[in-house]
Each structure stands twice: as C-alpha cells, then as structure tokens.
Amino acid sequence: VAEHFETASPPPAPGAPVWWISLGDD
C-alpha cells in the first residue's frame, strides 16, 4: 500500500493477500 494515494473503502487488513501489478512502458 502507498499511504499517500487514495485507497478503496474499506481497506483490507494489513496482512490480507494482494497482488501488486505494474503495467506500462519502460
């Protein structure tokens, strides 16, 4: 989680499993 960006409500628990995905062009 990036604390300075808007988060969906309600946010999950800190230990909840998530995927972090980056799409783009580099």
mmCIF file of all heavy atoms, coordinates in Angstrom:
data_MODEL
# 
_entry.id   MODEL 
# 
loop_
_atom_site.group_PDB 
_atom_site.id 
_atom_site.type_symbol 
_atom_site.label_atom_id 
_atom_site.label_alt_id 
_atom_site.label_comp_id 
_atom_site.label_asym_id 
_atom_site.label_entity_id 
_atom_site.label_seq_id 
_atom_site.pdbx_PDB_ins_code 
_atom_site.Cartn_x 
_atom_site.Cartn_y 
_atom_site.Cartn_z 
_atom_site.occupancy 
_atom_site.B_iso_or_equiv 
_atom_site.pdbx_formal_charge 
_atom_site.auth_seq_id 
_atom_site.auth_comp_id 
_atom_site.auth_asym_id 
_atom_site.auth_atom_id 
_atom_site.pdbx_PDB_model_num 
ATOM 1   N N   . VAL A 1 1  ? 0.840   -1.195  0.000   1.00 0.00 ? 1  VAL A N   1 
ATOM 2   C CA  . VAL A 1 1  ? 0.000   0.000   0.000   1.00 0.00 ? 1  VAL A CA  1 
ATOM 3   C C   . VAL A 1 1  ? 0.877   1.247   0.000   1.00 0.00 ? 1  VAL A C   1 
ATOM 4   O O   . VAL A 1 1  ? 1.917   1.303   0.657   1.00 0.00 ? 1  VAL A O   1 
ATOM 5   C CB  . VAL A 1 1  ? -0.974  0.003   1.199   1.00 0.00 ? 1  VAL A CB  1 
ATOM 6   C CG1 . VAL A 1 1  ? -0.226  0.143   2.517   1.00 0.00 ? 1  VAL A CG1 1 
ATOM 7   C CG2 . VAL A 1 1  ? -2.003  1.112   1.045   1.00 0.00 ? 1  VAL A CG2 1 
ATOM 8   N N   . ALA A 1 2  ? 0.487   2.234   -0.792  1.00 0.00 ? 2  ALA A N   1 
ATOM 9   C CA  . ALA A 1 2  ? 1.156   3.532   -0.820  1.00 0.00 ? 2  ALA A CA  1 
ATOM 10  C C   . ALA A 1 2  ? 0.248   4.497   -0.064  1.00 0.00 ? 2  ALA A C   1 
ATOM 11  O O   . ALA A 1 2  ? -0.810  4.885   -0.557  1.00 0.00 ? 2  ALA A O   1 
ATOM 12  C CB  . ALA A 1 2  ? 1.381   3.989   -2.249  1.00 0.00 ? 2  ALA A CB  1 
ATOM 13  N N   . GLU A 1 3  ? 0.633   4.857   1.124   1.00 0.00 ? 3  GLU A N   1 
ATOM 14  C CA  . GLU A 1 3  ? -0.244  5.597   2.030   1.00 0.00 ? 3  GLU A CA  1 
ATOM 15  C C   . GLU A 1 3  ? -0.666  6.963   1.518   1.00 0.00 ? 3  GLU A C   1 
ATOM 16  O O   . GLU A 1 3  ? -1.671  7.496   1.942   1.00 0.00 ? 3  GLU A O   1 
ATOM 17  C CB  . GLU A 1 3  ? 0.423   5.720   3.398   1.00 0.00 ? 3  GLU A CB  1 
ATOM 18  C CG  . GLU A 1 3  ? 0.601   4.363   4.055   1.00 0.00 ? 3  GLU A CG  1 
ATOM 19  C CD  . GLU A 1 3  ? 1.347   4.434   5.369   1.00 0.00 ? 3  GLU A CD  1 
ATOM 20  O OE1 . GLU A 1 3  ? 1.616   5.553   5.851   1.00 0.00 ? 3  GLU A OE1 1 
ATOM 21  O OE2 . GLU A 1 3  ? 1.655   3.365   5.901   1.00 0.00 ? 3  GLU A OE2 1 
ATOM 22  N N   . HIS A 1 4  ? 0.066   7.548   0.592   1.00 0.00 ? 4  HIS A N   1 
ATOM 23  C CA  . HIS A 1 4  ? -0.267  8.885   0.116   1.00 0.00 ? 4  HIS A CA  1 
ATOM 24  C C   . HIS A 1 4  ? -1.193  8.887   -1.105  1.00 0.00 ? 4  HIS A C   1 
ATOM 25  O O   . HIS A 1 4  ? -1.438  9.922   -1.686  1.00 0.00 ? 4  HIS A O   1 
ATOM 26  C CB  . HIS A 1 4  ? 1.022   9.684   -0.171  1.00 0.00 ? 4  HIS A CB  1 
ATOM 27  C CG  . HIS A 1 4  ? 1.998   8.954   -1.029  1.00 0.00 ? 4  HIS A CG  1 
ATOM 28  N ND1 . HIS A 1 4  ? 2.823   7.963   -0.526  1.00 0.00 ? 4  HIS A ND1 1 
ATOM 29  C CD2 . HIS A 1 4  ? 2.280   9.039   -2.342  1.00 0.00 ? 4  HIS A CD2 1 
ATOM 30  C CE1 . HIS A 1 4  ? 3.567   7.490   -1.503  1.00 0.00 ? 4  HIS A CE1 1 
ATOM 31  N NE2 . HIS A 1 4  ? 3.266   8.116   -2.607  1.00 0.00 ? 4  HIS A NE2 1 
ATOM 32  N N   . PHE A 1 5  ? -1.735  7.724   -1.493  1.00 0.00 ? 5  PHE A N   1 
ATOM 33  C CA  . PHE A 1 5  ? -2.689  7.648   -2.587  1.00 0.00 ? 5  PHE A CA  1 
ATOM 34  C C   . PHE A 1 5  ? -4.025  7.127   -2.072  1.00 0.00 ? 5  PHE A C   1 
ATOM 35  O O   . PHE A 1 5  ? -4.092  6.388   -1.088  1.00 0.00 ? 5  PHE A O   1 
ATOM 36  C CB  . PHE A 1 5  ? -2.177  6.730   -3.703  1.00 0.00 ? 5  PHE A CB  1 
ATOM 37  C CG  . PHE A 1 5  ? -1.034  7.327   -4.467  1.00 0.00 ? 5  PHE A CG  1 
ATOM 38  C CD1 . PHE A 1 5  ? 0.270   6.946   -4.190  1.00 0.00 ? 5  PHE A CD1 1 
ATOM 39  C CD2 . PHE A 1 5  ? -1.252  8.270   -5.450  1.00 0.00 ? 5  PHE A CD2 1 
ATOM 40  C CE1 . PHE A 1 5  ? 1.339   7.493   -4.876  1.00 0.00 ? 5  PHE A CE1 1 
ATOM 41  C CE2 . PHE A 1 5  ? -0.194  8.830   -6.145  1.00 0.00 ? 5  PHE A CE2 1 
ATOM 42  C CZ  . PHE A 1 5  ? 1.103   8.446   -5.854  1.00 0.00 ? 5  PHE A CZ  1 
ATOM 43  N N   . GLU A 1 6  ? -5.087  7.500   -2.761  1.00 0.00 ? 6  GLU A N   1 
ATOM 44  C CA  . GLU A 1 6  ? -6.435  7.091   -2.360  1.00 0.00 ? 6  GLU A CA  1 
ATOM 45  C C   . GLU A 1 6  ? -6.548  5.567   -2.368  1.00 0.00 ? 6  GLU A C   1 
ATOM 46  O O   . GLU A 1 6  ? -6.027  4.888   -3.240  1.00 0.00 ? 6  GLU A O   1 
ATOM 47  C CB  . GLU A 1 6  ? -7.452  7.690   -3.320  1.00 0.00 ? 6  GLU A CB  1 
ATOM 48  C CG  . GLU A 1 6  ? -8.874  7.456   -2.902  1.00 0.00 ? 6  GLU A CG  1 
ATOM 49  C CD  . GLU A 1 6  ? -9.867  8.168   -3.813  1.00 0.00 ? 6  GLU A CD  1 
ATOM 50  O OE1 . GLU A 1 6  ? -9.479  9.119   -4.502  1.00 0.00 ? 6  GLU A OE1 1 
ATOM 51  O OE2 . GLU A 1 6  ? -11.026 7.745   -3.810  1.00 0.00 ? 6  GLU A OE2 1 
ATOM 52  N N   . THR A 1 7  ? -7.261  5.051   -1.377  1.00 0.00 ? 7  THR A N   1 
ATOM 53  C CA  . THR A 1 7  ? -7.452  3.612   -1.208  1.00 0.00 ? 7  THR A CA  1 
ATOM 54  C C   . THR A 1 7  ? -8.945  3.304   -1.218  1.00 0.00 ? 7  THR A C   1 
ATOM 55  O O   . THR A 1 7  ? -9.739  4.067   -0.685  1.00 0.00 ? 7  THR A O   1 
ATOM 56  C CB  . THR A 1 7  ? -6.832  3.149   0.129   1.00 0.00 ? 7  THR A CB  1 
ATOM 57  O OG1 . THR A 1 7  ? -5.450  3.470   0.118   1.00 0.00 ? 7  THR A OG1 1 
ATOM 58  C CG2 . THR A 1 7  ? -6.996  1.664   0.340   1.00 0.00 ? 7  THR A CG2 1 
ATOM 59  N N   . ALA A 1 8  ? -9.302  2.181   -1.825  1.00 0.00 ? 8  ALA A N   1 
ATOM 60  C CA  . ALA A 1 8  ? -10.698 1.745   -1.828  1.00 0.00 ? 8  ALA A CA  1 
ATOM 61  C C   . ALA A 1 8  ? -11.185 1.572   -0.398  1.00 0.00 ? 8  ALA A C   1 
ATOM 62  O O   . ALA A 1 8  ? -10.413 1.251   0.499   1.00 0.00 ? 8  ALA A O   1 
ATOM 63  C CB  . ALA A 1 8  ? -10.839 0.435   -2.593  1.00 0.00 ? 8  ALA A CB  1 
ATOM 64  N N   . SER A 1 9  ? -12.447 1.784   -0.213  1.00 0.00 ? 9  SER A N   1 
ATOM 65  C CA  . SER A 1 9  ? -13.020 1.652   1.124   1.00 0.00 ? 9  SER A CA  1 
ATOM 66  C C   . SER A 1 9  ? -13.946 0.444   1.143   1.00 0.00 ? 9  SER A C   1 
ATOM 67  O O   . SER A 1 9  ? -14.730 0.260   0.217   1.00 0.00 ? 9  SER A O   1 
ATOM 68  C CB  . SER A 1 9  ? -13.803 2.922   1.452   1.00 0.00 ? 9  SER A CB  1 
ATOM 69  O OG  . SER A 1 9  ? -14.311 2.865   2.746   1.00 0.00 ? 9  SER A OG  1 
ATOM 70  N N   . PRO A 1 10 ? -13.890 -0.358  2.140   1.00 0.00 ? 10 PRO A N   1 
ATOM 71  C CA  . PRO A 1 10 ? -12.945 -0.322  3.252   1.00 0.00 ? 10 PRO A CA  1 
ATOM 72  C C   . PRO A 1 10 ? -11.625 -0.975  2.837   1.00 0.00 ? 10 PRO A C   1 
ATOM 73  O O   . PRO A 1 10 ? -11.618 -1.910  2.036   1.00 0.00 ? 10 PRO A O   1 
ATOM 74  C CB  . PRO A 1 10 ? -13.625 -1.148  4.335   1.00 0.00 ? 10 PRO A CB  1 
ATOM 75  C CG  . PRO A 1 10 ? -14.418 -2.167  3.581   1.00 0.00 ? 10 PRO A CG  1 
ATOM 76  C CD  . PRO A 1 10 ? -14.866 -1.448  2.313   1.00 0.00 ? 10 PRO A CD  1 
ATOM 77  N N   . PRO A 1 11 ? -10.511 -0.485  3.370   1.00 0.00 ? 11 PRO A N   1 
ATOM 78  C CA  . PRO A 1 11 ? -9.237  -1.131  3.042   1.00 0.00 ? 11 PRO A CA  1 
ATOM 79  C C   . PRO A 1 11 ? -9.154  -2.497  3.711   1.00 0.00 ? 11 PRO A C   1 
ATOM 80  O O   . PRO A 1 11 ? -9.778  -2.718  4.755   1.00 0.00 ? 11 PRO A O   1 
ATOM 81  C CB  . PRO A 1 11 ? -8.193  -0.178  3.625   1.00 0.00 ? 11 PRO A CB  1 
ATOM 82  C CG  . PRO A 1 11 ? -8.905  0.558   4.703   1.00 0.00 ? 11 PRO A CG  1 
ATOM 83  C CD  . PRO A 1 11 ? -10.345 0.647   4.273   1.00 0.00 ? 11 PRO A CD  1 
ATOM 84  N N   . PRO A 1 12 ? -8.402  -3.407  3.133   1.00 0.00 ? 12 PRO A N   1 
ATOM 85  C CA  . PRO A 1 12 ? -8.254  -4.723  3.757   1.00 0.00 ? 12 PRO A CA  1 
ATOM 86  C C   . PRO A 1 12 ? -7.358  -4.638  4.993   1.00 0.00 ? 12 PRO A C   1 
ATOM 87  O O   . PRO A 1 12 ? -6.686  -3.628  5.224   1.00 0.00 ? 12 PRO A O   1 
ATOM 88  C CB  . PRO A 1 12 ? -7.608  -5.572  2.669   1.00 0.00 ? 12 PRO A CB  1 
ATOM 89  C CG  . PRO A 1 12 ? -6.944  -4.611  1.764   1.00 0.00 ? 12 PRO A CG  1 
ATOM 90  C CD  . PRO A 1 12 ? -7.703  -3.320  1.861   1.00 0.00 ? 12 PRO A CD  1 
ATOM 91  N N   . ALA A 1 13 ? -7.314  -5.707  5.748   1.00 0.00 ? 13 ALA A N   1 
ATOM 92  C CA  . ALA A 1 13 ? -6.413  -5.799  6.906   1.00 0.00 ? 13 ALA A CA  1 
ATOM 93  C C   . ALA A 1 13 ? -4.971  -5.773  6.417   1.00 0.00 ? 13 ALA A C   1 
ATOM 94  O O   . ALA A 1 13 ? -4.683  -6.201  5.293   1.00 0.00 ? 13 ALA A O   1 
ATOM 95  C CB  . ALA A 1 13 ? -6.686  -7.092  7.666   1.00 0.00 ? 13 ALA A CB  1 
ATOM 96  N N   . PRO A 1 14 ? -4.035  -5.292  7.231   1.00 0.00 ? 14 PRO A N   1 
ATOM 97  C CA  . PRO A 1 14 ? -2.632  -5.218  6.814   1.00 0.00 ? 14 PRO A CA  1 
ATOM 98  C C   . PRO A 1 14 ? -2.063  -6.545  6.312   1.00 0.00 ? 14 PRO A C   1 
ATOM 99  O O   . PRO A 1 14 ? -1.238  -6.558  5.407   1.00 0.00 ? 14 PRO A O   1 
ATOM 100 C CB  . PRO A 1 14 ? -1.905  -4.752  8.077   1.00 0.00 ? 14 PRO A CB  1 
ATOM 101 C CG  . PRO A 1 14 ? -2.940  -3.993  8.836   1.00 0.00 ? 14 PRO A CG  1 
ATOM 102 C CD  . PRO A 1 14 ? -4.233  -4.710  8.563   1.00 0.00 ? 14 PRO A CD  1 
ATOM 103 N N   . GLY A 1 15 ? -2.512  -7.674  6.849   1.00 0.00 ? 15 GLY A N   1 
ATOM 104 C CA  . GLY A 1 15 ? -1.989  -8.972  6.439   1.00 0.00 ? 15 GLY A CA  1 
ATOM 105 C C   . GLY A 1 15 ? -2.747  -9.627  5.307   1.00 0.00 ? 15 GLY A C   1 
ATOM 106 O O   . GLY A 1 15 ? -2.444  -10.757 4.923   1.00 0.00 ? 15 GLY A O   1 
ATOM 107 N N   . ALA A 1 16 ? -3.727  -8.924  4.725   1.00 0.00 ? 16 ALA A N   1 
ATOM 108 C CA  . ALA A 1 16 ? -4.528  -9.502  3.638   1.00 0.00 ? 16 ALA A CA  1 
ATOM 109 C C   . ALA A 1 16 ? -3.664  -9.735  2.397   1.00 0.00 ? 16 ALA A C   1 
ATOM 110 O O   . ALA A 1 16 ? -2.808  -8.921  2.063   1.00 0.00 ? 16 ALA A O   1 
ATOM 111 C CB  . ALA A 1 16 ? -5.685  -8.570  3.298   1.00 0.00 ? 16 ALA A CB  1 
ATOM 112 N N   . PRO A 1 17 ? -3.881  -10.849 1.690   1.00 0.00 ? 17 PRO A N   1 
ATOM 113 C CA  . PRO A 1 17 ? -3.085  -11.142 0.495   1.00 0.00 ? 17 PRO A CA  1 
ATOM 114 C C   . PRO A 1 17 ? -3.490  -10.253 -0.680  1.00 0.00 ? 17 PRO A C   1 
ATOM 115 O O   . PRO A 1 17 ? -4.679  -10.063 -0.950  1.00 0.00 ? 17 PRO A O   1 
ATOM 116 C CB  . PRO A 1 17 ? -3.396  -12.614 0.210   1.00 0.00 ? 17 PRO A CB  1 
ATOM 117 C CG  . PRO A 1 17 ? -4.739  -12.851 0.817   1.00 0.00 ? 17 PRO A CG  1 
ATOM 118 C CD  . PRO A 1 17 ? -4.834  -11.923 1.994   1.00 0.00 ? 17 PRO A CD  1 
ATOM 119 N N   . VAL A 1 18 ? -2.491  -9.715  -1.366  1.00 0.00 ? 18 VAL A N   1 
ATOM 120 C CA  . VAL A 1 18 ? -2.736  -8.846  -2.519  1.00 0.00 ? 18 VAL A CA  1 
ATOM 121 C C   . VAL A 1 18 ? -1.730  -9.147  -3.621  1.00 0.00 ? 18 VAL A C   1 
ATOM 122 O O   . VAL A 1 18 ? -0.677  -9.734  -3.383  1.00 0.00 ? 18 VAL A O   1 
ATOM 123 C CB  . VAL A 1 18 ? -2.641  -7.342  -2.160  1.00 0.00 ? 18 VAL A CB  1 
ATOM 124 C CG1 . VAL A 1 18 ? -3.673  -6.953  -1.106  1.00 0.00 ? 18 VAL A CG1 1 
ATOM 125 C CG2 . VAL A 1 18 ? -1.248  -6.955  -1.719  1.00 0.00 ? 18 VAL A CG2 1 
ATOM 126 N N   . TRP A 1 19 ? -2.081  -8.708  -4.809  1.00 0.00 ? 19 TRP A N   1 
ATOM 127 C CA  . TRP A 1 19 ? -1.161  -8.683  -5.939  1.00 0.00 ? 19 TRP A CA  1 
ATOM 128 C C   . TRP A 1 19 ? -0.805  -7.231  -6.199  1.00 0.00 ? 19 TRP A C   1 
ATOM 129 O O   . TRP A 1 19 ? -1.669  -6.361  -6.173  1.00 0.00 ? 19 TRP A O   1 
ATOM 130 C CB  . TRP A 1 19 ? -1.799  -9.266  -7.193  1.00 0.00 ? 19 TRP A CB  1 
ATOM 131 C CG  . TRP A 1 19 ? -1.779  -10.746 -7.232  1.00 0.00 ? 19 TRP A CG  1 
ATOM 132 C CD1 . TRP A 1 19 ? -2.801  -11.591 -6.912  1.00 0.00 ? 19 TRP A CD1 1 
ATOM 133 C CD2 . TRP A 1 19 ? -0.676  -11.572 -7.609  1.00 0.00 ? 19 TRP A CD2 1 
ATOM 134 N NE1 . TRP A 1 19 ? -2.390  -12.889 -7.060  1.00 0.00 ? 19 TRP A NE1 1 
ATOM 135 C CE2 . TRP A 1 19 ? -1.090  -12.898 -7.491  1.00 0.00 ? 19 TRP A CE2 1 
ATOM 136 C CE3 . TRP A 1 19 ? 0.630   -11.304 -8.035  1.00 0.00 ? 19 TRP A CE3 1 
ATOM 137 C CZ2 . TRP A 1 19 ? -0.261  -13.965 -7.788  1.00 0.00 ? 19 TRP A CZ2 1 
ATOM 138 C CZ3 . TRP A 1 19 ? 1.462   -12.371 -8.328  1.00 0.00 ? 19 TRP A CZ3 1 
ATOM 139 C CH2 . TRP A 1 19 ? 1.020   -13.680 -8.208  1.00 0.00 ? 19 TRP A CH2 1 
ATOM 140 N N   . TRP A 1 20 ? 0.461   -6.960  -6.470  1.00 0.00 ? 20 TRP A N   1 
ATOM 141 C CA  . TRP A 1 20 ? 0.933   -5.644  -6.879  1.00 0.00 ? 20 TRP A CA  1 
ATOM 142 C C   . TRP A 1 20 ? 1.355   -5.805  -8.330  1.00 0.00 ? 20 TRP A C   1 
ATOM 143 O O   . TRP A 1 20 ? 2.214   -6.621  -8.655  1.00 0.00 ? 20 TRP A O   1 
ATOM 144 C CB  . TRP A 1 20 ? 2.101   -5.215  -5.994  1.00 0.00 ? 20 TRP A CB  1 
ATOM 145 C CG  . TRP A 1 20 ? 2.655   -3.878  -6.336  1.00 0.00 ? 20 TRP A CG  1 
ATOM 146 C CD1 . TRP A 1 20 ? 2.223   -2.664  -5.872  1.00 0.00 ? 20 TRP A CD1 1 
ATOM 147 C CD2 . TRP A 1 20 ? 3.744   -3.605  -7.218  1.00 0.00 ? 20 TRP A CD2 1 
ATOM 148 N NE1 . TRP A 1 20 ? 2.981   -1.664  -6.417  1.00 0.00 ? 20 TRP A NE1 1 
ATOM 149 C CE2 . TRP A 1 20 ? 3.928   -2.212  -7.251  1.00 0.00 ? 20 TRP A CE2 1 
ATOM 150 C CE3 . TRP A 1 20 ? 4.584   -4.397  -7.989  1.00 0.00 ? 20 TRP A CE3 1 
ATOM 151 C CZ2 . TRP A 1 20 ? 4.902   -1.604  -8.014  1.00 0.00 ? 20 TRP A CZ2 1 
ATOM 152 C CZ3 . TRP A 1 20 ? 5.556   -3.792  -8.760  1.00 0.00 ? 20 TRP A CZ3 1 
ATOM 153 C CH2 . TRP A 1 20 ? 5.715   -2.407  -8.760  1.00 0.00 ? 20 TRP A CH2 1 
ATOM 154 N N   . ILE A 1 21 ? 0.706   -5.053  -9.226  1.00 0.00 ? 21 ILE A N   1 
ATOM 155 C CA  . ILE A 1 21 ? 0.918   -5.182  -10.669 1.00 0.00 ? 21 ILE A CA  1 
ATOM 156 C C   . ILE A 1 21 ? 1.386   -3.843  -11.219 1.00 0.00 ? 21 ILE A C   1 
ATOM 157 O O   . ILE A 1 21 ? 0.850   -2.796  -10.863 1.00 0.00 ? 21 ILE A O   1 
ATOM 158 C CB  . ILE A 1 21 ? -0.405  -5.581  -11.380 1.00 0.00 ? 21 ILE A CB  1 
ATOM 159 C CG1 . ILE A 1 21 ? -0.968  -6.899  -10.826 1.00 0.00 ? 21 ILE A CG1 1 
ATOM 160 C CG2 . ILE A 1 21 ? -0.228  -5.621  -12.890 1.00 0.00 ? 21 ILE A CG2 1 
ATOM 161 C CD1 . ILE A 1 21 ? -0.202  -8.136  -11.197 1.00 0.00 ? 21 ILE A CD1 1 
ATOM 162 N N   . SER A 1 22 ? 2.371   -3.880  -12.098 1.00 0.00 ? 22 SER A N   1 
ATOM 163 C CA  . SER A 1 22 ? 2.834   -2.676  -12.788 1.00 0.00 ? 22 SER A CA  1 
ATOM 164 C C   . SER A 1 22 ? 2.692   -2.896  -14.288 1.00 0.00 ? 22 SER A C   1 
ATOM 165 O O   . SER A 1 22 ? 3.293   -3.817  -14.848 1.00 0.00 ? 22 SER A O   1 
ATOM 166 C CB  . SER A 1 22 ? 4.291   -2.384  -12.442 1.00 0.00 ? 22 SER A CB  1 
ATOM 167 O OG  . SER A 1 22 ? 4.754   -1.244  -13.152 1.00 0.00 ? 22 SER A OG  1 
ATOM 168 N N   . LEU A 1 23 ? 1.876   -2.057  -14.927 1.00 0.00 ? 23 LEU A N   1 
ATOM 169 C CA  . LEU A 1 23 ? 1.717   -2.067  -16.377 1.00 0.00 ? 23 LEU A CA  1 
ATOM 170 C C   . LEU A 1 23 ? 2.305   -0.780  -16.930 1.00 0.00 ? 23 LEU A C   1 
ATOM 171 O O   . LEU A 1 23 ? 2.204   0.265   -16.283 1.00 0.00 ? 23 LEU A O   1 
ATOM 172 C CB  . LEU A 1 23 ? 0.239   -2.128  -16.769 1.00 0.00 ? 23 LEU A CB  1 
ATOM 173 C CG  . LEU A 1 23 ? -0.563  -3.333  -16.330 1.00 0.00 ? 23 LEU A CG  1 
ATOM 174 C CD1 . LEU A 1 23 ? -2.030  -3.157  -16.725 1.00 0.00 ? 23 LEU A CD1 1 
ATOM 175 C CD2 . LEU A 1 23 ? -0.006  -4.603  -16.930 1.00 0.00 ? 23 LEU A CD2 1 
ATOM 176 N N   . GLY A 1 24 ? 2.887   -0.825  -18.109 1.00 0.00 ? 24 GLY A N   1 
ATOM 177 C CA  . GLY A 1 24 ? 3.394   0.399   -18.697 1.00 0.00 ? 24 GLY A CA  1 
ATOM 178 C C   . GLY A 1 24 ? 4.414   0.150   -19.780 1.00 0.00 ? 24 GLY A C   1 
ATOM 179 O O   . GLY A 1 24 ? 4.433   -0.901  -20.419 1.00 0.00 ? 24 GLY A O   1 
ATOM 180 N N   . ASP A 1 25 ? 5.288   1.133   -19.937 1.00 0.00 ? 25 ASP A N   1 
ATOM 181 C CA  . ASP A 1 25 ? 6.334   1.101   -20.945 1.00 0.00 ? 25 ASP A CA  1 
ATOM 182 C C   . ASP A 1 25 ? 7.598   1.637   -20.286 1.00 0.00 ? 25 ASP A C   1 
ATOM 183 O O   . ASP A 1 25 ? 7.580   2.722   -19.709 1.00 0.00 ? 25 ASP A O   1 
ATOM 184 C CB  . ASP A 1 25 ? 5.929   1.982   -22.132 1.00 0.00 ? 25 ASP A CB  1 
ATOM 185 C CG  . ASP A 1 25 ? 6.956   1.978   -23.239 1.00 0.00 ? 25 ASP A CG  1 
ATOM 186 O OD1 . ASP A 1 25 ? 7.534   0.905   -23.520 1.00 0.00 ? 25 ASP A OD1 1 
ATOM 187 O OD2 . ASP A 1 25 ? 7.188   3.044   -23.835 1.00 0.00 ? 25 ASP A OD2 1 
ATOM 188 N N   . ASP A 1 26 ? 8.671   0.876   -20.341 1.00 0.00 ? 26 ASP A N   1 
ATOM 189 C CA  . ASP A 1 26 ? 9.918   1.288   -19.694 1.00 0.00 ? 26 ASP A CA  1 
ATOM 190 C C   . ASP A 1 26 ? 11.083  1.011   -20.649 1.00 0.00 ? 26 ASP A C   1 
ATOM 191 O O   . ASP A 1 26 ? 11.836  0.056   -20.474 1.00 0.00 ? 26 ASP A O   1 
ATOM 192 C CB  . ASP A 1 26 ? 10.097  0.537   -18.376 1.00 0.00 ? 26 ASP A CB  1 
ATOM 193 C CG  . ASP A 1 26 ? 11.179  1.140   -17.510 1.00 0.00 ? 26 ASP A CG  1 
ATOM 194 O OD1 . ASP A 1 26 ? 11.686  2.223   -17.846 1.00 0.00 ? 26 ASP A OD1 1 
ATOM 195 O OD2 . ASP A 1 26 ? 11.513  0.526   -16.485 1.00 0.00 ? 26 ASP A OD2 1 
# 
